[in-house]
PDB file of all heavy atoms in Angstrom:
ATOM      1  N   GLN A   1     -13.343  32.897  -4.174  1.00  0.00           N
ATOM      2  CA  GLN A   1     -13.840  31.715  -3.502  1.00  0.00           C
ATOM      3  C   GLN A   1     -12.718  30.806  -3.028  1.00  0.00           C
ATOM      4  O   GLN A   1     -11.789  30.608  -3.667  1.00  0.00           O
ATOM      5  CB  GLN A   1     -14.867  31.042  -4.450  1.00  0.00           C
ATOM      6  CG  GLN A   1     -16.187  31.617  -4.671  1.00  0.00           C
ATOM      7  CD  GLN A   1     -17.197  30.618  -5.349  1.00  0.00           C
ATOM      8  OE1 GLN A   1     -16.820  29.920  -6.240  1.00  0.00           O
ATOM      9  NE2 GLN A   1     -18.479  30.655  -4.852  1.00  0.00           N
ATOM     10  N   ARG A   2     -13.104  30.092  -1.952  1.00  0.00           N
ATOM     11  CA  ARG A   2     -12.211  29.076  -1.449  1.00  0.00           C
ATOM     12  C   ARG A   2     -12.190  27.928  -2.458  1.00  0.00           C
ATOM     13  O   ARG A   2     -13.265  27.442  -2.931  1.00  0.00           O
ATOM     14  CB  ARG A   2     -12.579  28.675  -0.160  1.00  0.00           C
ATOM     15  CG  ARG A   2     -11.514  27.900   0.603  1.00  0.00           C
ATOM     16  CD  ARG A   2     -11.920  27.673   2.173  1.00  0.00           C
ATOM     17  NE  ARG A   2     -11.864  28.996   2.796  1.00  0.00           N
ATOM     18  CZ  ARG A   2     -12.061  29.073   4.148  1.00  0.00           C
ATOM     19  NH1 ARG A   2     -12.247  28.056   4.918  1.00  0.00           N
ATOM     20  NH2 ARG A   2     -11.905  30.292   4.707  1.00  0.00           N
ATOM     21  N   GLU A   3     -10.920  27.467  -2.796  1.00  0.00           N
ATOM     22  CA  GLU A   3     -10.830  26.476  -3.815  1.00  0.00           C
ATOM     23  C   GLU A   3     -10.256  25.165  -3.151  1.00  0.00           C
ATOM     24  O   GLU A   3      -9.146  25.243  -2.468  1.00  0.00           O
ATOM     25  CB  GLU A   3      -9.856  26.983  -4.882  1.00  0.00           C
ATOM     26  CG  GLU A   3      -9.358  25.922  -5.916  1.00  0.00           C
ATOM     27  CD  GLU A   3      -8.255  26.419  -6.822  1.00  0.00           C
ATOM     28  OE1 GLU A   3      -7.296  27.004  -6.303  1.00  0.00           O
ATOM     29  OE2 GLU A   3      -8.328  26.206  -8.090  1.00  0.00           O
ATOM     30  N   LEU A   4     -10.765  24.032  -3.545  1.00  0.00           N
ATOM     31  CA  LEU A   4     -10.144  22.753  -3.066  1.00  0.00           C
ATOM     32  C   LEU A   4      -8.885  22.476  -3.867  1.00  0.00           C
ATOM     33  O   LEU A   4      -8.905  22.336  -5.167  1.00  0.00           O
ATOM     34  CB  LEU A   4     -11.224  21.612  -3.328  1.00  0.00           C
ATOM     35  CG  LEU A   4     -10.629  20.217  -2.991  1.00  0.00           C
ATOM     36  CD1 LEU A   4     -10.151  20.053  -1.554  1.00  0.00           C
ATOM     37  CD2 LEU A   4     -11.758  19.241  -3.326  1.00  0.00           C
ATOM     38  N   VAL A   5      -7.839  22.252  -3.196  1.00  0.00           N
ATOM     39  CA  VAL A   5      -6.544  22.136  -3.814  1.00  0.00           C
ATOM     40  C   VAL A   5      -6.291  20.586  -3.984  1.00  0.00           C
ATOM     41  O   VAL A   5      -5.874  20.110  -5.000  1.00  0.00           O
ATOM     42  CB  VAL A   5      -5.366  22.779  -3.106  1.00  0.00           C
ATOM     43  CG1 VAL A   5      -4.004  22.417  -3.687  1.00  0.00           C
ATOM     44  CG2 VAL A   5      -5.607  24.244  -2.961  1.00  0.00           C
ATOM     45  N   ALA A   6      -6.408  19.881  -2.865  1.00  0.00           N
ATOM     46  CA  ALA A   6      -6.187  18.459  -2.768  1.00  0.00           C
ATOM     47  C   ALA A   6      -6.951  17.824  -1.619  1.00  0.00           C
ATOM     48  O   ALA A   6      -7.149  18.544  -0.583  1.00  0.00           O
ATOM     49  CB  ALA A   6      -4.693  18.157  -2.687  1.00  0.00           C
ATOM     50  N   SER A   7      -7.340  16.486  -1.701  1.00  0.00           N
ATOM     51  CA  SER A   7      -7.909  15.868  -0.674  1.00  0.00           C
ATOM     52  C   SER A   7      -7.532  14.449  -0.627  1.00  0.00           C
ATOM     53  O   SER A   7      -7.025  13.815  -1.638  1.00  0.00           O
ATOM     54  CB  SER A   7      -9.521  15.996  -0.766  1.00  0.00           C
ATOM     55  OG  SER A   7      -9.978  15.327  -1.943  1.00  0.00           O
ATOM     56  N   ILE A   8      -7.742  13.820   0.560  1.00  0.00           N
ATOM     57  CA  ILE A   8      -7.325  12.398   0.735  1.00  0.00           C
ATOM     58  C   ILE A   8      -8.219  11.779   1.656  1.00  0.00           C
ATOM     59  O   ILE A   8      -8.570  12.294   2.726  1.00  0.00           O
ATOM     60  CB  ILE A   8      -5.889  12.279   1.199  1.00  0.00           C
ATOM     61  CG1 ILE A   8      -5.443  10.795   1.263  1.00  0.00           C
ATOM     62  CG2 ILE A   8      -5.639  13.019   2.551  1.00  0.00           C
ATOM     63  CD1 ILE A   8      -3.954  10.682   1.402  1.00  0.00           C
ATOM     64  N   THR A   9      -8.726  10.587   1.386  1.00  0.00           N
ATOM     65  CA  THR A   9      -9.672   9.857   2.223  1.00  0.00           C
ATOM     66  C   THR A   9      -8.877   9.084   3.163  1.00  0.00           C
ATOM     67  O   THR A   9      -7.628   8.863   3.176  1.00  0.00           O
ATOM     68  CB  THR A   9     -10.625   8.860   1.461  1.00  0.00           C
ATOM     69  OG1 THR A   9      -9.707   7.777   0.927  1.00  0.00           O
ATOM     70  CG2 THR A   9     -11.229   9.641   0.299  1.00  0.00           C
ATOM     71  N   ARG A  10      -9.501   8.529   4.172  1.00  0.00           N
ATOM     72  CA  ARG A  10      -8.908   7.594   5.287  1.00  0.00           C
ATOM     73  C   ARG A  10      -8.129   6.456   4.621  1.00  0.00           C
ATOM     74  O   ARG A  10      -7.175   5.939   5.082  1.00  0.00           O
ATOM     75  CB  ARG A  10      -9.912   7.098   6.204  1.00  0.00           C
ATOM     76  CG  ARG A  10     -10.377   8.060   7.168  1.00  0.00           C
ATOM     77  CD  ARG A  10     -11.477   7.333   8.152  1.00  0.00           C
ATOM     78  NE  ARG A  10     -10.825   6.181   8.760  1.00  0.00           N
ATOM     79  CZ  ARG A  10     -11.487   5.122   9.220  1.00  0.00           C
ATOM     80  NH1 ARG A  10     -12.790   5.032   8.991  1.00  0.00           N
ATOM     81  NH2 ARG A  10     -10.915   4.128   9.815  1.00  0.00           N
ATOM     82  N   PHE A  11      -8.609   6.013   3.498  1.00  0.00           N
ATOM     83  CA  PHE A  11      -8.109   4.834   2.760  1.00  0.00           C
ATOM     84  C   PHE A  11      -7.066   5.244   1.712  1.00  0.00           C
ATOM     85  O   PHE A  11      -6.645   4.432   0.886  1.00  0.00           O
ATOM     86  CB  PHE A  11      -9.180   3.959   2.249  1.00  0.00           C
ATOM     87  CG  PHE A  11     -10.227   3.652   3.302  1.00  0.00           C
ATOM     88  CD1 PHE A  11     -11.418   4.221   3.369  1.00  0.00           C
ATOM     89  CD2 PHE A  11      -9.839   2.679   4.289  1.00  0.00           C
ATOM     90  CE1 PHE A  11     -12.360   3.924   4.394  1.00  0.00           C
ATOM     91  CE2 PHE A  11     -10.725   2.410   5.284  1.00  0.00           C
ATOM     92  CZ  PHE A  11     -11.972   2.996   5.389  1.00  0.00           C
ATOM     93  N   GLY A  12      -6.736   6.477   1.601  1.00  0.00           N
ATOM     94  CA  GLY A  12      -5.621   6.939   0.714  1.00  0.00           C
ATOM     95  C   GLY A  12      -6.054   7.405  -0.675  1.00  0.00           C
ATOM     96  O   GLY A  12      -5.146   7.669  -1.517  1.00  0.00           O
ATOM     97  N   MET A  13      -7.333   7.493  -1.034  1.00  0.00           N
ATOM     98  CA  MET A  13      -7.701   8.009  -2.285  1.00  0.00           C
ATOM     99  C   MET A  13      -7.579   9.507  -2.377  1.00  0.00           C
ATOM    100  O   MET A  13      -7.879  10.174  -1.400  1.00  0.00           O
ATOM    101  CB  MET A  13      -9.205   7.648  -2.613  1.00  0.00           C
ATOM    102  CG  MET A  13      -9.503   6.188  -2.773  1.00  0.00           C
ATOM    103  SD  MET A  13     -11.115   5.809  -3.162  1.00  0.00           S
ATOM    104  CE  MET A  13     -11.379   6.724  -4.748  1.00  0.00           C
ATOM    105  N   THR A  14      -6.973   9.997  -3.343  1.00  0.00           N
ATOM    106  CA  THR A  14      -6.579  11.412  -3.509  1.00  0.00           C
ATOM    107  C   THR A  14      -7.327  12.048  -4.706  1.00  0.00           C
ATOM    108  O   THR A  14      -7.610  11.427  -5.614  1.00  0.00           O
ATOM    109  CB  THR A  14      -5.015  11.550  -3.600  1.00  0.00           C
ATOM    110  OG1 THR A  14      -4.596  10.817  -4.839  1.00  0.00           O
ATOM    111  CG2 THR A  14      -4.334  10.979  -2.420  1.00  0.00           C
ATOM    112  N   TYR A  15      -7.411  13.376  -4.502  1.00  0.00           N
ATOM    113  CA  TYR A  15      -7.914  14.370  -5.595  1.00  0.00           C
ATOM    114  C   TYR A  15      -6.948  15.485  -5.556  1.00  0.00           C
ATOM    115  O   TYR A  15      -6.553  16.011  -4.584  1.00  0.00           O
ATOM    116  CB  TYR A  15      -9.204  14.670  -5.255  1.00  0.00           C
ATOM    117  CG  TYR A  15      -9.717  15.942  -6.078  1.00  0.00           C
ATOM    118  CD1 TYR A  15     -10.209  15.744  -7.337  1.00  0.00           C
ATOM    119  CD2 TYR A  15      -9.511  17.206  -5.567  1.00  0.00           C
ATOM    120  CE1 TYR A  15     -10.509  16.875  -8.086  1.00  0.00           C
ATOM    121  CE2 TYR A  15      -9.850  18.348  -6.271  1.00  0.00           C
ATOM    122  CZ  TYR A  15     -10.335  18.171  -7.511  1.00  0.00           C
ATOM    123  OH  TYR A  15     -10.717  19.239  -8.321  1.00  0.00           O
ATOM    124  N   TYR A  16      -6.741  15.927  -6.877  1.00  0.00           N
ATOM    125  CA  TYR A  16      -5.880  17.250  -6.998  1.00  0.00           C
ATOM    126  C   TYR A  16      -6.562  18.142  -8.015  1.00  0.00           C
ATOM    127  O   TYR A  16      -7.105  17.618  -9.056  1.00  0.00           O
ATOM    128  CB  TYR A  16      -4.507  16.944  -7.522  1.00  0.00           C
ATOM    129  CG  TYR A  16      -3.720  16.074  -6.545  1.00  0.00           C
ATOM    130  CD1 TYR A  16      -3.570  14.758  -6.610  1.00  0.00           C
ATOM    131  CD2 TYR A  16      -2.972  16.778  -5.517  1.00  0.00           C
ATOM    132  CE1 TYR A  16      -2.820  14.017  -5.711  1.00  0.00           C
ATOM    133  CE2 TYR A  16      -2.115  16.032  -4.649  1.00  0.00           C
ATOM    134  CZ  TYR A  16      -2.193  14.687  -4.879  1.00  0.00           C
ATOM    135  OH  TYR A  16      -1.344  13.917  -3.926  1.00  0.00           O
ATOM    136  N   VAL A  17      -6.722  19.329  -7.785  1.00  0.00           N
ATOM    137  CA  VAL A  17      -7.156  20.294  -8.803  1.00  0.00           C
ATOM    138  C   VAL A  17      -6.109  20.250  -9.876  1.00  0.00           C
ATOM    139  O   VAL A  17      -4.777  20.067  -9.686  1.00  0.00           O
ATOM    140  CB  VAL A  17      -7.288  21.721  -8.223  1.00  0.00           C
ATOM    141  CG1 VAL A  17      -5.972  22.264  -7.811  1.00  0.00           C
ATOM    142  CG2 VAL A  17      -8.108  22.644  -9.123  1.00  0.00           C
ATOM    143  N   ASP A  18      -6.472  20.540 -11.098  1.00  0.00           N
ATOM    144  CA  ASP A  18      -5.617  20.397 -12.275  1.00  0.00           C
ATOM    145  C   ASP A  18      -4.350  21.303 -12.145  1.00  0.00           C
ATOM    146  O   ASP A  18      -3.235  20.946 -12.567  1.00  0.00           O
ATOM    147  CB  ASP A  18      -6.405  20.736 -13.540  1.00  0.00           C
ATOM    148  CG  ASP A  18      -7.275  19.652 -14.029  1.00  0.00           C
ATOM    149  OD1 ASP A  18      -7.199  18.556 -13.463  1.00  0.00           O
ATOM    150  OD2 ASP A  18      -8.118  19.859 -14.892  1.00  0.00           O
ATOM    151  N   SER A  19      -4.450  22.413 -11.648  1.00  0.00           N
ATOM    152  CA  SER A  19      -3.427  23.358 -11.585  1.00  0.00           C
ATOM    153  C   SER A  19      -2.224  22.909 -10.750  1.00  0.00           C
ATOM    154  O   SER A  19      -1.159  23.500 -10.795  1.00  0.00           O
ATOM    155  CB  SER A  19      -3.874  24.895 -11.132  1.00  0.00           C
ATOM    156  OG  SER A  19      -4.511  24.686  -9.821  1.00  0.00           O
ATOM    157  N   VAL A  20      -2.418  22.015  -9.857  1.00  0.00           N
ATOM    158  CA  VAL A  20      -1.287  21.556  -8.882  1.00  0.00           C
ATOM    159  C   VAL A  20      -0.892  20.087  -9.261  1.00  0.00           C
ATOM    160  O   VAL A  20       0.076  19.653  -8.677  1.00  0.00           O
ATOM    161  CB  VAL A  20      -1.759  21.631  -7.401  1.00  0.00           C
ATOM    162  CG1 VAL A  20      -2.287  23.003  -7.077  1.00  0.00           C
ATOM    163  CG2 VAL A  20      -2.668  20.578  -7.139  1.00  0.00           C
ATOM    164  N   LYS A  21      -1.465  19.438 -10.109  1.00  0.00           N
ATOM    165  CA  LYS A  21      -1.126  18.044 -10.453  1.00  0.00           C
ATOM    166  C   LYS A  21       0.318  17.955 -10.890  1.00  0.00           C
ATOM    167  O   LYS A  21       0.726  18.763 -11.764  1.00  0.00           O
ATOM    168  CB  LYS A  21      -2.052  17.489 -11.511  1.00  0.00           C
ATOM    169  CG  LYS A  21      -3.383  17.069 -11.101  1.00  0.00           C
ATOM    170  CD  LYS A  21      -4.355  16.577 -12.202  1.00  0.00           C
ATOM    171  CE  LYS A  21      -5.710  16.252 -11.628  1.00  0.00           C
ATOM    172  NZ  LYS A  21      -6.547  15.705 -12.761  1.00  0.00           N
ATOM    173  N   GLY A  22       1.006  17.009 -10.307  1.00  0.00           N
ATOM    174  CA  GLY A  22       2.453  16.847 -10.664  1.00  0.00           C
ATOM    175  C   GLY A  22       3.335  17.699  -9.901  1.00  0.00           C
ATOM    176  O   GLY A  22       4.598  17.590  -9.876  1.00  0.00           O
ATOM    177  N   ARG A  23       2.788  18.626  -9.084  1.00  0.00           N
ATOM    178  CA  ARG A  23       3.692  19.585  -8.274  1.00  0.00           C
ATOM    179  C   ARG A  23       3.396  19.429  -6.748  1.00  0.00           C
ATOM    180  O   ARG A  23       4.282  19.526  -5.997  1.00  0.00           O
ATOM    181  CB  ARG A  23       3.356  21.101  -8.644  1.00  0.00           C
ATOM    182  CG  ARG A  23       3.644  21.364 -10.056  1.00  0.00           C
ATOM    183  CD  ARG A  23       3.565  22.829 -10.296  1.00  0.00           C
ATOM    184  NE  ARG A  23       2.345  23.379 -10.115  1.00  0.00           N
ATOM    185  CZ  ARG A  23       2.072  24.403  -9.196  1.00  0.00           C
ATOM    186  NH1 ARG A  23       2.907  24.890  -8.502  1.00  0.00           N
ATOM    187  NH2 ARG A  23       0.760  24.860  -9.074  1.00  0.00           N
ATOM    188  N   PHE A  24       2.107  19.066  -6.392  1.00  0.00           N
ATOM    189  CA  PHE A  24       1.720  18.940  -4.984  1.00  0.00           C
ATOM    190  C   PHE A  24       1.458  17.521  -4.759  1.00  0.00           C
ATOM    191  O   PHE A  24       0.980  16.762  -5.565  1.00  0.00           O
ATOM    192  CB  PHE A  24       0.482  19.790  -4.690  1.00  0.00           C
ATOM    193  CG  PHE A  24       0.635  21.207  -4.772  1.00  0.00           C
ATOM    194  CD1 PHE A  24       1.744  21.891  -5.317  1.00  0.00           C
ATOM    195  CD2 PHE A  24      -0.293  22.105  -4.261  1.00  0.00           C
ATOM    196  CE1 PHE A  24       1.965  23.191  -5.250  1.00  0.00           C
ATOM    197  CE2 PHE A  24      -0.279  23.558  -4.291  1.00  0.00           C
ATOM    198  CZ  PHE A  24       0.935  24.121  -4.842  1.00  0.00           C
ATOM    199  N   THR A  25       1.688  17.042  -3.490  1.00  0.00           N
ATOM    200  CA  THR A  25       1.378  15.841  -3.063  1.00  0.00           C
ATOM    201  C   THR A  25       0.731  15.832  -1.729  1.00  0.00           C
ATOM    202  O   THR A  25       1.318  16.476  -0.769  1.00  0.00           O
ATOM    203  CB  THR A  25       2.629  14.913  -2.880  1.00  0.00           C
ATOM    204  OG1 THR A  25       3.315  14.842  -4.283  1.00  0.00           O
ATOM    205  CG2 THR A  25       2.218  13.448  -2.519  1.00  0.00           C
ATOM    206  N   ILE A  26      -0.443  15.308  -1.512  1.00  0.00           N
ATOM    207  CA  ILE A  26      -1.124  15.241  -0.278  1.00  0.00           C
ATOM    208  C   ILE A  26      -0.918  13.769   0.324  1.00  0.00           C
ATOM    209  O   ILE A  26      -0.857  12.751  -0.353  1.00  0.00           O
ATOM    210  CB  ILE A  26      -2.671  15.619  -0.346  1.00  0.00           C
ATOM    211  CG1 ILE A  26      -3.201  15.648   1.020  1.00  0.00           C
ATOM    212  CG2 ILE A  26      -3.348  14.491  -1.244  1.00  0.00           C
ATOM    213  CD1 ILE A  26      -4.715  16.294   0.997  1.00  0.00           C
ATOM    214  N   SER A  27      -0.723  13.803   1.625  1.00  0.00           N
ATOM    215  CA  SER A  27      -0.538  12.545   2.413  1.00  0.00           C
ATOM    216  C   SER A  27      -1.147  12.697   3.800  1.00  0.00           C
ATOM    217  O   SER A  27      -1.307  13.799   4.261  1.00  0.00           O
ATOM    218  CB  SER A  27       0.977  12.112   2.356  1.00  0.00           C
ATOM    219  OG  SER A  27       1.680  13.076   3.128  1.00  0.00           O
ATOM    220  N   ARG A  28      -1.374  11.518   4.384  1.00  0.00           N
ATOM    221  CA  ARG A  28      -1.852  11.547   5.730  1.00  0.00           C
ATOM    222  C   ARG A  28      -1.256  10.484   6.586  1.00  0.00           C
ATOM    223  O   ARG A  28      -0.888   9.421   5.990  1.00  0.00           O
ATOM    224  CB  ARG A  28      -3.362  11.486   5.863  1.00  0.00           C
ATOM    225  CG  ARG A  28      -4.000  10.335   5.325  1.00  0.00           C
ATOM    226  CD  ARG A  28      -5.545  10.521   5.163  1.00  0.00           C
ATOM    227  NE  ARG A  28      -6.241  10.584   6.523  1.00  0.00           N
ATOM    228  CZ  ARG A  28      -7.590  10.817   6.665  1.00  0.00           C
ATOM    229  NH1 ARG A  28      -8.222  11.114   5.549  1.00  0.00           N
ATOM    230  NH2 ARG A  28      -8.096  10.847   7.971  1.00  0.00           N
ATOM    231  N   ASP A  29      -1.165  10.670   7.872  1.00  0.00           N
ATOM    232  CA  ASP A  29      -0.657   9.657   8.836  1.00  0.00           C
ATOM    233  C   ASP A  29      -1.844   9.448   9.832  1.00  0.00           C
ATOM    234  O   ASP A  29      -2.104  10.236  10.724  1.00  0.00           O
ATOM    235  CB  ASP A  29       0.610  10.141   9.520  1.00  0.00           C
ATOM    236  CG  ASP A  29       1.162   9.154  10.445  1.00  0.00           C
ATOM    237  OD1 ASP A  29       0.447   8.319  10.906  1.00  0.00           O
ATOM    238  OD2 ASP A  29       2.329   9.265  10.697  1.00  0.00           O
ATOM    239  N   ASN A  30      -2.598   8.435   9.542  1.00  0.00           N
ATOM    240  CA  ASN A  30      -3.813   8.197  10.424  1.00  0.00           C
ATOM    241  C   ASN A  30      -3.429   7.907  11.889  1.00  0.00           C
ATOM    242  O   ASN A  30      -4.180   8.343  12.782  1.00  0.00           O
ATOM    243  CB  ASN A  30      -4.636   7.029   9.879  1.00  0.00           C
ATOM    244  CG  ASN A  30      -5.268   7.340   8.444  1.00  0.00           C
ATOM    245  OD1 ASN A  30      -5.620   8.510   8.323  1.00  0.00           O
ATOM    246  ND2 ASN A  30      -5.511   6.351   7.649  1.00  0.00           N
ATOM    247  N   ALA A  31      -2.208   7.262  12.100  1.00  0.00           N
ATOM    248  CA  ALA A  31      -1.898   7.057  13.460  1.00  0.00           C
ATOM    249  C   ALA A  31      -1.627   8.251  14.306  1.00  0.00           C
ATOM    250  O   ALA A  31      -1.807   8.402  15.490  1.00  0.00           O
ATOM    251  CB  ALA A  31      -0.685   6.187  13.460  1.00  0.00           C
ATOM    252  N   LYS A  32      -1.231   9.385  13.504  1.00  0.00           N
ATOM    253  CA  LYS A  32      -0.817  10.685  14.190  1.00  0.00           C
ATOM    254  C   LYS A  32      -1.870  11.682  14.010  1.00  0.00           C
ATOM    255  O   LYS A  32      -1.811  12.820  14.454  1.00  0.00           O
ATOM    256  CB  LYS A  32       0.499  11.163  13.747  1.00  0.00           C
ATOM    257  CG  LYS A  32       1.618  10.196  13.981  1.00  0.00           C
ATOM    258  CD  LYS A  32       2.935  10.846  13.511  1.00  0.00           C
ATOM    259  CE  LYS A  32       4.153   9.971  13.820  1.00  0.00           C
ATOM    260  NZ  LYS A  32       5.403  10.553  13.306  1.00  0.00           N
ATOM    261  N   ASN A  33      -3.055  11.379  13.253  1.00  0.00           N
ATOM    262  CA  ASN A  33      -3.998  12.304  12.952  1.00  0.00           C
ATOM    263  C   ASN A  33      -3.504  13.567  12.178  1.00  0.00           C
ATOM    264  O   ASN A  33      -3.866  14.706  12.618  1.00  0.00           O
ATOM    265  CB  ASN A  33      -4.798  12.750  14.181  1.00  0.00           C
ATOM    266  CG  ASN A  33      -5.432  11.625  14.876  1.00  0.00           C
ATOM    267  OD1 ASN A  33      -5.749  10.601  14.300  1.00  0.00           O
ATOM    268  ND2 ASN A  33      -5.554  11.729  16.261  1.00  0.00           N
TER     269      ASN A  33
END
């Protein structure tokens, strides 16, 4: 099954699956989409 690894809202709230915490970082640039 497809697994959610990380997500981020428009306002910067993030979620990480336990297996990647501390290793992966999600970020977004709203100005550049």
